[in-house]
N, C-alpha and C. Protein backbone atom coordinates (compact mmCIF):
# COMPACT_ATOMS: atom_id res chain seq x y z
N MET A 1 162.83 -141.48 69.61
CA MET A 1 162.18 -140.78 68.53
C MET A 1 161.02 -139.96 68.48
N SER A 2 161.52 -138.81 67.49
CA SER A 2 160.27 -137.98 67.13
C SER A 2 159.34 -138.31 66.64
N ARG A 3 157.93 -137.58 66.85
CA ARG A 3 156.80 -138.08 65.88
C ARG A 3 156.15 -136.59 65.36
N THR A 4 156.02 -137.84 64.14
CA THR A 4 155.34 -137.03 62.98
C THR A 4 153.98 -136.60 62.87
N VAL A 5 153.55 -135.59 61.83
CA VAL A 5 151.90 -135.26 61.99
C VAL A 5 151.23 -136.68 62.04
N LYS A 6 151.89 -137.37 60.68
CA LYS A 6 150.99 -138.89 60.74
C LYS A 6 150.99 -139.65 62.05
N ASP A 7 151.63 -139.41 62.77
CA ASP A 7 151.65 -140.03 64.24
C ASP A 7 150.50 -139.40 65.29
N TYR A 8 149.82 -138.40 64.98
CA TYR A 8 149.04 -138.03 65.52
C TYR A 8 147.59 -138.30 64.90
N VAL A 9 147.33 -138.77 64.16
CA VAL A 9 146.39 -139.01 62.88
C VAL A 9 145.38 -139.95 63.77
N ARG A 10 144.70 -140.55 63.85
CA ARG A 10 143.42 -141.25 64.40
C ARG A 10 142.87 -142.31 62.99
N SER A 11 143.22 -143.36 62.97
CA SER A 11 142.57 -144.57 62.00
C SER A 11 141.48 -144.70 62.35
N ILE A 12 140.69 -145.02 61.96
CA ILE A 12 139.24 -145.38 62.77
C ILE A 12 138.67 -146.52 61.51
N HIS A 13 138.21 -147.56 61.51
CA HIS A 13 138.43 -148.85 60.46
C HIS A 13 136.42 -148.80 60.70
N ASP A 14 136.12 -149.45 59.32
CA ASP A 14 134.78 -148.84 58.93
C ASP A 14 133.78 -147.84 59.26
N PHE A 15 134.30 -146.35 59.09
CA PHE A 15 133.41 -145.74 58.87
C PHE A 15 133.79 -144.31 58.16
N PRO A 16 132.75 -144.09 57.45
CA PRO A 16 131.38 -144.33 57.75
C PRO A 16 130.78 -145.29 57.20
N HIS A 17 131.28 -146.30 56.67
CA HIS A 17 130.59 -146.91 55.87
C HIS A 17 131.54 -148.21 55.97
N GLU A 18 131.42 -149.76 56.25
CA GLU A 18 131.77 -150.49 56.11
C GLU A 18 133.03 -151.01 54.90
N GLY A 19 134.49 -151.26 55.02
CA GLY A 19 135.57 -151.04 53.99
C GLY A 19 136.49 -149.73 53.93
N ILE A 20 136.06 -148.84 54.65
CA ILE A 20 136.01 -147.10 54.73
C ILE A 20 137.67 -147.21 56.41
N ILE A 21 138.17 -146.91 55.78
CA ILE A 21 139.26 -146.02 56.74
C ILE A 21 139.10 -144.72 56.70
N PHE A 22 138.37 -144.22 58.09
CA PHE A 22 138.82 -143.12 58.06
C PHE A 22 139.89 -142.53 58.85
N ARG A 23 140.41 -141.22 58.21
CA ARG A 23 141.58 -140.86 58.70
C ARG A 23 141.46 -139.34 59.63
N ASP A 24 141.20 -139.60 61.25
CA ASP A 24 140.32 -138.50 62.27
C ASP A 24 142.01 -137.93 62.64
N VAL A 25 141.83 -136.66 62.08
CA VAL A 25 142.42 -135.52 62.29
C VAL A 25 142.51 -134.86 63.45
N THR A 26 141.37 -135.04 64.09
CA THR A 26 140.72 -134.32 64.97
C THR A 26 141.65 -134.56 66.46
N THR A 27 142.42 -135.96 66.70
CA THR A 27 143.31 -136.17 67.34
C THR A 27 144.56 -135.04 67.49
N LEU A 28 145.05 -135.00 65.99
CA LEU A 28 145.97 -133.91 65.76
C LEU A 28 145.48 -132.28 66.62
N PHE A 29 144.58 -132.12 66.16
CA PHE A 29 144.23 -130.71 66.62
C PHE A 29 144.08 -130.78 67.96
N ALA A 30 143.81 -131.84 68.62
CA ALA A 30 143.82 -131.69 70.28
C ALA A 30 145.14 -131.87 70.53
N ASP A 31 146.17 -132.16 70.21
CA ASP A 31 147.19 -132.43 70.74
C ASP A 31 148.09 -130.76 70.56
N ALA A 32 148.46 -130.25 71.47
CA ALA A 32 149.34 -128.85 70.90
C ALA A 32 150.39 -128.74 70.43
N ARG A 33 151.21 -130.34 70.84
CA ARG A 33 152.36 -130.31 69.89
C ARG A 33 152.17 -130.24 67.89
N GLY A 34 151.51 -131.35 68.73
CA GLY A 34 150.84 -132.25 66.83
C GLY A 34 150.06 -130.76 66.29
N PHE A 35 149.06 -129.91 66.36
CA PHE A 35 148.45 -129.02 65.70
C PHE A 35 149.60 -127.63 65.50
N ARG A 36 150.59 -127.53 66.42
CA ARG A 36 151.67 -126.46 66.27
C ARG A 36 152.56 -127.29 64.63
N MET A 37 152.71 -128.42 64.68
CA MET A 37 153.62 -129.36 64.26
C MET A 37 153.10 -128.84 62.64
N ALA A 38 151.65 -129.32 62.57
CA ALA A 38 151.33 -129.16 60.96
C ALA A 38 150.87 -128.06 60.41
N VAL A 39 150.50 -126.84 61.23
CA VAL A 39 150.54 -125.47 61.37
C VAL A 39 151.92 -125.07 60.21
N ASP A 40 153.04 -125.01 60.98
CA ASP A 40 154.31 -124.66 60.93
C ASP A 40 155.07 -125.56 59.89
N GLN A 41 154.71 -126.55 59.29
CA GLN A 41 154.92 -127.22 58.21
C GLN A 41 154.15 -127.05 56.82
N ILE A 42 153.03 -126.53 57.26
CA ILE A 42 152.18 -125.40 56.38
C ILE A 42 153.41 -124.44 55.80
N LEU A 43 152.93 -123.62 56.69
CA LEU A 43 154.07 -122.19 56.99
C LEU A 43 155.15 -122.59 55.80
N HIS A 44 155.95 -123.42 56.37
CA HIS A 44 157.21 -123.50 56.15
C HIS A 44 157.28 -123.69 54.33
N ALA A 45 156.28 -124.45 54.08
CA ALA A 45 156.32 -124.58 53.02
C ALA A 45 156.02 -123.45 52.03
N TYR A 46 155.36 -122.35 52.17
CA TYR A 46 155.45 -121.25 51.62
C TYR A 46 156.17 -120.02 52.20
N ALA A 47 157.26 -120.52 52.83
CA ALA A 47 157.99 -119.28 53.39
C ALA A 47 158.55 -118.10 52.54
N GLY A 48 158.49 -117.01 52.41
CA GLY A 48 158.96 -115.83 51.36
C GLY A 48 157.54 -115.90 50.10
N THR A 49 156.49 -116.61 50.19
CA THR A 49 155.68 -116.51 49.40
C THR A 49 154.12 -115.63 50.05
N ARG A 50 153.76 -114.63 48.90
CA ARG A 50 152.96 -113.79 49.17
C ARG A 50 151.63 -114.60 49.03
N ILE A 51 150.94 -114.26 50.16
CA ILE A 51 149.58 -114.86 50.55
C ILE A 51 148.90 -113.73 51.13
N ASP A 52 147.59 -113.30 50.31
CA ASP A 52 147.05 -112.22 50.62
C ASP A 52 145.82 -112.94 51.96
N LYS A 53 145.40 -113.81 51.27
CA LYS A 53 144.27 -114.36 52.48
C LYS A 53 144.51 -116.01 52.33
N VAL A 54 143.87 -116.50 53.30
CA VAL A 54 143.99 -118.20 53.15
C VAL A 54 142.47 -118.64 53.31
N VAL A 55 142.03 -119.54 52.28
CA VAL A 55 140.64 -120.22 52.09
C VAL A 55 140.63 -121.44 52.83
N GLY A 56 139.80 -121.70 53.99
CA GLY A 56 139.25 -123.00 54.39
C GLY A 56 138.40 -123.46 53.86
N LEU A 57 138.36 -124.58 53.67
CA LEU A 57 137.25 -125.64 52.95
C LEU A 57 136.63 -126.48 54.28
N GLU A 58 134.69 -126.18 54.32
CA GLU A 58 134.04 -126.84 55.42
C GLU A 58 134.61 -128.33 55.75
N ALA A 59 134.79 -128.75 57.03
CA ALA A 59 134.88 -127.72 58.11
C ALA A 59 135.99 -127.95 58.58
N ARG A 60 137.05 -129.18 58.26
CA ARG A 60 138.28 -128.84 59.35
C ARG A 60 139.59 -127.97 58.62
N GLY A 61 139.07 -127.67 57.31
CA GLY A 61 139.91 -126.66 56.86
C GLY A 61 139.50 -125.36 57.73
N PHE A 62 138.81 -125.40 58.12
CA PHE A 62 138.75 -123.86 58.82
C PHE A 62 139.53 -123.69 60.22
N ILE A 63 139.56 -125.00 60.43
CA ILE A 63 140.34 -125.07 61.81
C ILE A 63 141.81 -124.91 61.73
N LEU A 64 142.41 -125.44 60.72
CA LEU A 64 143.91 -125.14 60.37
C LEU A 64 143.77 -124.29 59.44
N GLY A 65 143.13 -123.97 58.57
CA GLY A 65 143.47 -122.77 57.68
C GLY A 65 142.79 -121.31 58.59
N GLY A 66 142.00 -121.23 60.00
CA GLY A 66 142.42 -120.39 60.53
C GLY A 66 143.37 -119.69 61.37
N ALA A 67 144.27 -120.91 61.72
CA ALA A 67 145.65 -121.11 62.55
C ALA A 67 146.94 -120.46 61.45
N VAL A 68 146.59 -120.83 60.16
CA VAL A 68 147.44 -120.66 59.35
C VAL A 68 147.42 -118.94 58.50
N ALA A 69 146.00 -118.60 58.92
CA ALA A 69 146.36 -117.14 58.57
C ALA A 69 146.30 -116.25 59.66
N HIS A 70 146.15 -116.67 61.00
CA HIS A 70 146.58 -116.01 62.30
C HIS A 70 148.17 -115.85 61.94
N GLN A 71 148.63 -117.09 62.07
CA GLN A 71 150.68 -117.03 61.43
C GLN A 71 150.70 -116.36 60.72
N LEU A 72 150.21 -116.26 59.77
CA LEU A 72 150.53 -115.30 58.48
C LEU A 72 149.85 -113.47 58.53
N SER A 73 149.29 -113.46 60.00
CA SER A 73 148.89 -111.82 60.29
C SER A 73 147.59 -111.62 58.28
N THR A 74 146.81 -112.66 57.84
CA THR A 74 146.14 -112.20 56.86
C THR A 74 144.60 -112.78 57.34
N GLY A 75 143.96 -112.51 56.19
CA GLY A 75 142.71 -112.74 56.72
C GLY A 75 141.97 -114.07 55.76
N PHE A 76 141.01 -114.53 56.57
CA PHE A 76 140.90 -116.25 56.20
C PHE A 76 139.26 -115.95 55.76
N VAL A 77 139.21 -116.78 54.77
CA VAL A 77 137.82 -116.62 54.13
C VAL A 77 137.45 -118.48 53.83
N PRO A 78 136.28 -118.04 54.41
CA PRO A 78 135.57 -119.72 54.51
C PRO A 78 134.87 -120.34 53.13
N ILE A 79 135.35 -121.10 52.72
CA ILE A 79 134.48 -121.77 51.53
C ILE A 79 133.31 -123.25 52.21
N ARG A 80 131.82 -122.47 51.89
CA ARG A 80 131.18 -123.77 52.77
C ARG A 80 130.00 -124.52 51.86
N LYS A 81 129.63 -125.60 52.41
CA LYS A 81 128.47 -126.10 51.78
C LYS A 81 127.43 -125.34 51.47
N LYS A 82 126.31 -125.83 50.33
CA LYS A 82 125.51 -124.73 49.73
C LYS A 82 124.66 -124.31 51.17
N GLY A 83 123.88 -123.22 50.90
CA GLY A 83 123.01 -122.52 52.02
C GLY A 83 123.76 -122.48 53.21
N LYS A 84 124.68 -122.56 53.69
CA LYS A 84 125.44 -122.02 54.89
C LYS A 84 126.12 -120.66 55.07
N LEU A 85 126.34 -120.07 54.38
CA LEU A 85 126.45 -118.50 54.25
C LEU A 85 125.71 -117.55 53.52
N PRO A 86 125.38 -116.58 54.94
CA PRO A 86 124.23 -115.36 54.44
C PRO A 86 125.10 -114.56 53.70
N GLY A 87 124.16 -113.86 53.28
CA GLY A 87 124.79 -112.36 51.93
C GLY A 87 124.53 -113.62 50.50
N THR A 88 125.05 -112.55 49.57
CA THR A 88 125.23 -112.80 48.47
C THR A 88 126.38 -113.64 47.98
N VAL A 89 126.33 -114.76 47.23
CA VAL A 89 127.01 -115.65 47.09
C VAL A 89 127.87 -116.12 45.89
N ILE A 90 129.00 -117.15 45.04
CA ILE A 90 128.36 -117.85 44.13
C ILE A 90 128.44 -119.03 44.43
N SER A 91 128.36 -119.94 43.77
CA SER A 91 128.07 -121.38 43.77
C SER A 91 129.06 -122.21 42.57
N GLU A 92 129.45 -123.38 43.17
CA GLU A 92 130.16 -124.32 42.04
C GLU A 92 129.84 -125.84 42.64
N ALA A 93 129.42 -126.35 41.60
CA ALA A 93 128.88 -127.92 41.58
C ALA A 93 130.17 -128.51 41.42
N TYR A 94 130.40 -130.02 42.39
CA TYR A 94 131.14 -130.63 42.05
C TYR A 94 130.45 -132.19 42.04
N GLN A 95 131.31 -133.23 41.88
CA GLN A 95 130.85 -134.65 41.60
C GLN A 95 131.02 -135.55 43.09
N LEU A 96 130.52 -136.02 43.57
CA LEU A 96 130.69 -136.91 44.64
C LEU A 96 130.50 -138.45 44.64
N GLU A 97 130.94 -139.42 45.03
CA GLU A 97 130.60 -140.74 44.56
C GLU A 97 129.09 -140.75 44.05
N TYR A 98 128.34 -140.40 44.36
CA TYR A 98 126.64 -140.81 44.50
C TYR A 98 126.27 -139.48 44.56
N GLY A 99 126.33 -138.83 43.58
CA GLY A 99 125.79 -137.26 43.34
C GLY A 99 126.50 -136.16 43.07
N GLU A 100 126.06 -134.98 43.55
CA GLU A 100 126.46 -134.00 43.51
C GLU A 100 126.87 -132.94 44.86
N ALA A 101 127.37 -131.95 44.84
CA ALA A 101 127.43 -131.32 46.00
C ALA A 101 128.03 -129.70 45.46
N ILE A 102 127.66 -128.87 46.42
CA ILE A 102 127.78 -127.36 45.91
C ILE A 102 128.43 -126.96 46.81
N MET A 103 129.64 -126.48 46.62
CA MET A 103 130.40 -125.20 47.53
C MET A 103 130.28 -123.76 47.41
N GLU A 104 130.19 -122.85 47.99
CA GLU A 104 129.99 -121.29 48.24
C GLU A 104 130.68 -120.58 48.56
N ILE A 105 131.32 -119.63 47.83
CA ILE A 105 131.96 -118.70 48.83
C ILE A 105 131.32 -116.78 48.59
N HIS A 106 131.09 -116.22 49.26
CA HIS A 106 130.93 -114.70 49.13
C HIS A 106 131.31 -113.77 47.80
N ASP A 107 130.39 -113.67 47.32
CA ASP A 107 130.98 -112.61 46.15
C ASP A 107 131.79 -111.84 46.74
N ASP A 108 132.16 -111.41 47.49
CA ASP A 108 132.94 -110.00 47.85
C ASP A 108 133.91 -110.62 48.44
N ALA A 109 134.48 -111.73 48.63
CA ALA A 109 135.74 -112.73 49.68
C ALA A 109 136.46 -112.28 49.59
N LEU A 110 136.67 -112.32 48.07
CA LEU A 110 138.15 -112.26 47.19
C LEU A 110 138.07 -111.23 46.42
N LYS A 111 139.66 -110.33 45.89
CA LYS A 111 139.36 -109.63 44.85
C LYS A 111 140.36 -109.83 44.23
N PRO A 112 140.24 -109.00 43.04
CA PRO A 112 140.99 -109.43 41.85
C PRO A 112 142.77 -109.29 42.17
N GLY A 113 143.19 -110.49 41.49
CA GLY A 113 144.76 -110.00 41.87
C GLY A 113 145.08 -110.86 43.41
N GLU A 114 144.34 -110.99 44.29
CA GLU A 114 144.91 -111.72 45.72
C GLU A 114 145.32 -112.95 45.69
N LYS A 115 146.80 -113.27 46.52
CA LYS A 115 146.89 -114.27 46.07
C LYS A 115 146.31 -115.21 47.22
N VAL A 116 145.88 -116.32 47.14
CA VAL A 116 145.53 -116.76 47.90
C VAL A 116 146.07 -118.68 47.95
N LEU A 117 145.96 -118.88 49.51
CA LEU A 117 146.54 -120.49 49.79
C LEU A 117 144.46 -121.43 50.18
N ILE A 118 145.03 -122.68 49.77
CA ILE A 118 143.50 -122.96 50.06
C ILE A 118 143.96 -124.35 50.93
N VAL A 119 143.39 -124.46 52.25
CA VAL A 119 143.65 -125.31 53.08
C VAL A 119 142.66 -126.27 53.75
N ASP A 120 142.80 -127.51 53.47
CA ASP A 120 141.44 -128.63 54.43
C ASP A 120 142.76 -129.80 54.41
N ASP A 121 141.80 -130.43 55.21
CA ASP A 121 142.81 -131.41 56.55
C ASP A 121 143.01 -132.79 55.31
N LEU A 122 142.33 -133.13 54.37
CA LEU A 122 142.38 -134.13 53.82
C LEU A 122 142.22 -133.80 51.97
N LEU A 123 142.95 -134.21 51.65
CA LEU A 123 143.00 -134.67 49.79
C LEU A 123 142.62 -136.20 49.28
N ALA A 124 141.40 -136.41 49.04
CA ALA A 124 140.84 -137.37 48.74
C ALA A 124 140.53 -137.61 46.48
N THR A 125 139.39 -137.36 46.44
CA THR A 125 139.16 -137.27 44.99
C THR A 125 139.47 -136.02 44.32
N GLY A 126 139.96 -134.98 45.33
CA GLY A 126 140.06 -133.92 44.58
C GLY A 126 138.94 -132.97 44.34
N GLY A 127 137.41 -133.27 44.32
CA GLY A 127 136.21 -132.50 43.88
C GLY A 127 136.07 -131.05 44.67
N THR A 128 136.15 -131.70 45.64
CA THR A 128 135.81 -130.06 46.97
C THR A 128 136.74 -129.04 46.59
N ALA A 129 138.51 -129.72 46.42
CA ALA A 129 139.39 -128.52 46.38
C ALA A 129 139.26 -128.23 44.90
N ALA A 130 138.79 -128.89 44.01
CA ALA A 130 138.79 -128.29 42.86
C ALA A 130 137.82 -126.98 42.35
N ALA A 131 136.24 -127.32 43.11
CA ALA A 131 135.53 -126.54 43.20
C ALA A 131 136.03 -125.06 43.89
N ALA A 132 136.82 -125.28 45.05
CA ALA A 132 137.17 -124.51 45.42
C ALA A 132 138.21 -123.59 44.68
N ILE A 133 139.18 -123.93 44.13
CA ILE A 133 139.95 -123.62 43.36
C ILE A 133 139.03 -122.58 41.97
N THR A 134 138.28 -122.97 41.34
CA THR A 134 137.28 -122.62 40.66
C THR A 134 136.59 -121.22 41.34
N LEU A 135 135.91 -121.51 42.44
CA LEU A 135 135.12 -120.40 43.24
C LEU A 135 136.53 -119.39 43.19
N CYS A 136 137.53 -119.53 43.63
CA CYS A 136 138.54 -118.18 43.71
C CYS A 136 138.79 -117.72 42.17
N ARG A 137 139.45 -118.36 41.73
CA ARG A 137 139.51 -117.75 40.09
C ARG A 137 138.15 -116.98 39.22
N ARG A 138 137.17 -117.49 39.63
CA ARG A 138 136.00 -116.84 39.03
C ARG A 138 136.12 -115.25 40.04
N LEU A 139 136.45 -115.48 41.47
CA LEU A 139 136.45 -114.27 41.68
C LEU A 139 137.76 -113.19 41.54
N GLY A 140 138.65 -113.71 40.81
CA GLY A 140 139.45 -112.59 40.07
C GLY A 140 140.61 -113.40 40.61
N ALA A 141 140.72 -114.24 41.75
CA ALA A 141 142.02 -114.43 42.65
C ALA A 141 142.98 -115.32 42.06
N GLU A 142 144.30 -115.34 42.73
CA GLU A 142 145.15 -116.30 41.82
C GLU A 142 145.56 -117.47 42.89
N VAL A 143 145.69 -118.26 42.87
CA VAL A 143 145.27 -119.33 44.10
C VAL A 143 146.82 -119.77 43.54
N ILE A 144 147.86 -119.59 44.93
CA ILE A 144 148.64 -119.91 44.99
C ILE A 144 149.30 -121.41 45.06
N GLY A 145 148.55 -122.26 45.49
CA GLY A 145 148.77 -123.58 45.79
C GLY A 145 147.62 -124.04 46.73
N CYS A 146 147.32 -125.30 47.19
CA CYS A 146 146.45 -126.26 48.12
C CYS A 146 147.25 -127.08 48.92
N ALA A 147 146.92 -126.80 50.09
CA ALA A 147 148.02 -127.19 51.27
C ALA A 147 146.87 -128.61 51.99
N PHE A 148 147.69 -129.73 52.63
CA PHE A 148 146.48 -130.56 53.40
C PHE A 148 147.36 -131.02 54.41
N VAL A 149 146.52 -131.85 55.35
CA VAL A 149 147.48 -132.28 56.49
C VAL A 149 148.06 -133.76 55.38
N ILE A 150 146.53 -134.47 54.86
CA ILE A 150 146.71 -135.93 54.12
C ILE A 150 146.60 -136.02 52.89
N ASP A 151 147.27 -137.19 52.46
CA ASP A 151 146.92 -136.69 50.76
C ASP A 151 146.84 -138.37 50.79
N LEU A 152 145.21 -138.80 49.91
CA LEU A 152 145.01 -140.74 49.97
C LEU A 152 145.39 -140.59 48.35
N PRO A 153 146.41 -140.69 48.66
CA PRO A 153 146.98 -140.97 46.67
C PRO A 153 146.36 -141.87 45.63
N GLU A 154 145.71 -143.19 46.32
CA GLU A 154 145.06 -144.01 45.43
C GLU A 154 143.70 -143.72 45.24
N LEU A 155 142.87 -142.00 45.75
CA LEU A 155 141.92 -141.86 44.91
C LEU A 155 141.89 -140.72 43.73
N GLY A 156 143.52 -140.18 43.93
CA GLY A 156 143.59 -139.24 42.91
C GLY A 156 143.30 -137.66 42.43
N GLY A 157 143.46 -137.20 43.64
CA GLY A 157 143.05 -136.23 43.46
C GLY A 157 144.03 -135.23 43.59
N ARG A 158 145.59 -135.31 44.01
CA ARG A 158 146.95 -134.69 43.64
C ARG A 158 146.75 -134.50 42.05
N ARG A 159 146.41 -135.84 41.12
CA ARG A 159 146.10 -135.69 39.87
C ARG A 159 145.15 -134.74 39.08
N VAL A 160 144.01 -134.45 39.99
CA VAL A 160 143.06 -134.22 39.50
C VAL A 160 143.50 -132.00 40.01
N LEU A 161 143.81 -131.79 41.11
CA LEU A 161 144.51 -130.23 40.98
C LEU A 161 145.75 -129.97 39.92
N GLU A 162 146.83 -130.90 40.20
CA GLU A 162 147.66 -130.93 39.40
C GLU A 162 147.41 -130.59 37.63
N GLY A 163 146.39 -131.20 37.21
CA GLY A 163 146.10 -131.33 35.76
C GLY A 163 145.10 -129.50 35.84
N MET A 164 144.79 -128.94 37.06
CA MET A 164 144.09 -127.98 36.88
C MET A 164 145.25 -126.49 37.11
N ASP A 165 146.91 -127.53 37.09
CA ASP A 165 147.97 -126.69 37.42
C ASP A 165 148.06 -125.83 38.75
N MET A 166 147.39 -126.49 39.96
CA MET A 166 147.49 -126.37 41.13
C MET A 166 148.58 -127.21 41.73
N PRO A 167 149.70 -126.07 42.25
CA PRO A 167 150.89 -127.14 42.89
C PRO A 167 150.05 -127.62 44.15
N VAL A 168 150.50 -128.74 44.95
CA VAL A 168 149.85 -129.44 46.19
C VAL A 168 151.09 -129.52 46.65
N HIS A 169 150.31 -129.21 47.89
CA HIS A 169 151.23 -129.52 49.12
C HIS A 169 150.82 -130.52 50.28
N ALA A 170 151.09 -131.87 50.45
CA ALA A 170 150.18 -132.67 51.49
C ALA A 170 151.83 -132.87 52.79
N LEU A 171 151.33 -132.98 53.88
CA LEU A 171 152.11 -133.32 55.55
C LEU A 171 152.48 -134.20 55.54
N CYS A 172 151.74 -135.49 54.58
CA CYS A 172 151.50 -136.87 54.95
C CYS A 172 150.82 -137.79 54.10
N ASP A 173 150.91 -139.05 54.07
CA ASP A 173 149.73 -139.58 52.78
C ASP A 173 149.45 -140.96 53.49
N PHE A 174 148.42 -141.30 53.11
CA PHE A 174 148.27 -142.93 54.00
C PHE A 174 147.58 -143.52 52.48
N GLU A 175 148.14 -144.72 52.56
CA GLU A 175 147.52 -145.63 51.57
C GLU A 175 146.39 -146.67 51.85
N GLY A 176 145.40 -146.61 50.78
CA GLY A 176 144.04 -147.03 51.16
C GLY A 176 142.84 -146.20 51.40
N ALA A 177 141.88 -146.34 50.77
CA ALA A 177 140.98 -144.96 50.83
C ALA A 177 139.93 -145.16 52.09
């Protein structure tokens, strides 16, 4: 029986808090065949689509997004947590379960009209990805989609992003938070 991307993801119970099941993609990234499968499946979903830049979300989105950008022979742009990028940035706040976080992008990272794909490992509530979409749009880029390894449907992130008229592609989903 052939393995799927989901088969390479490790589930860790009660991390980072009791009652949470953490979906760990480091086991996927560590396996050459699994990592290649994930990158290829993301690329396949966007075959024939113009992508000028790949935007990766801190931190695991850097790993996946960098590999996707390499395969597309295009540039990679990181979106990071507040205070991590040197130079001039623009910021976007978003809500966490208990508080607020801020994501940043260099103010010259994207040019108006560039078509970008946002990549991350996991879609939960959609807050981080929504902030990333807003940052890219503020720079005048056209976000053509968001790609994830994992979707956690019960947390509603897909609905949030689709509410922003954003196509969402996930390689697999897991029930439960």
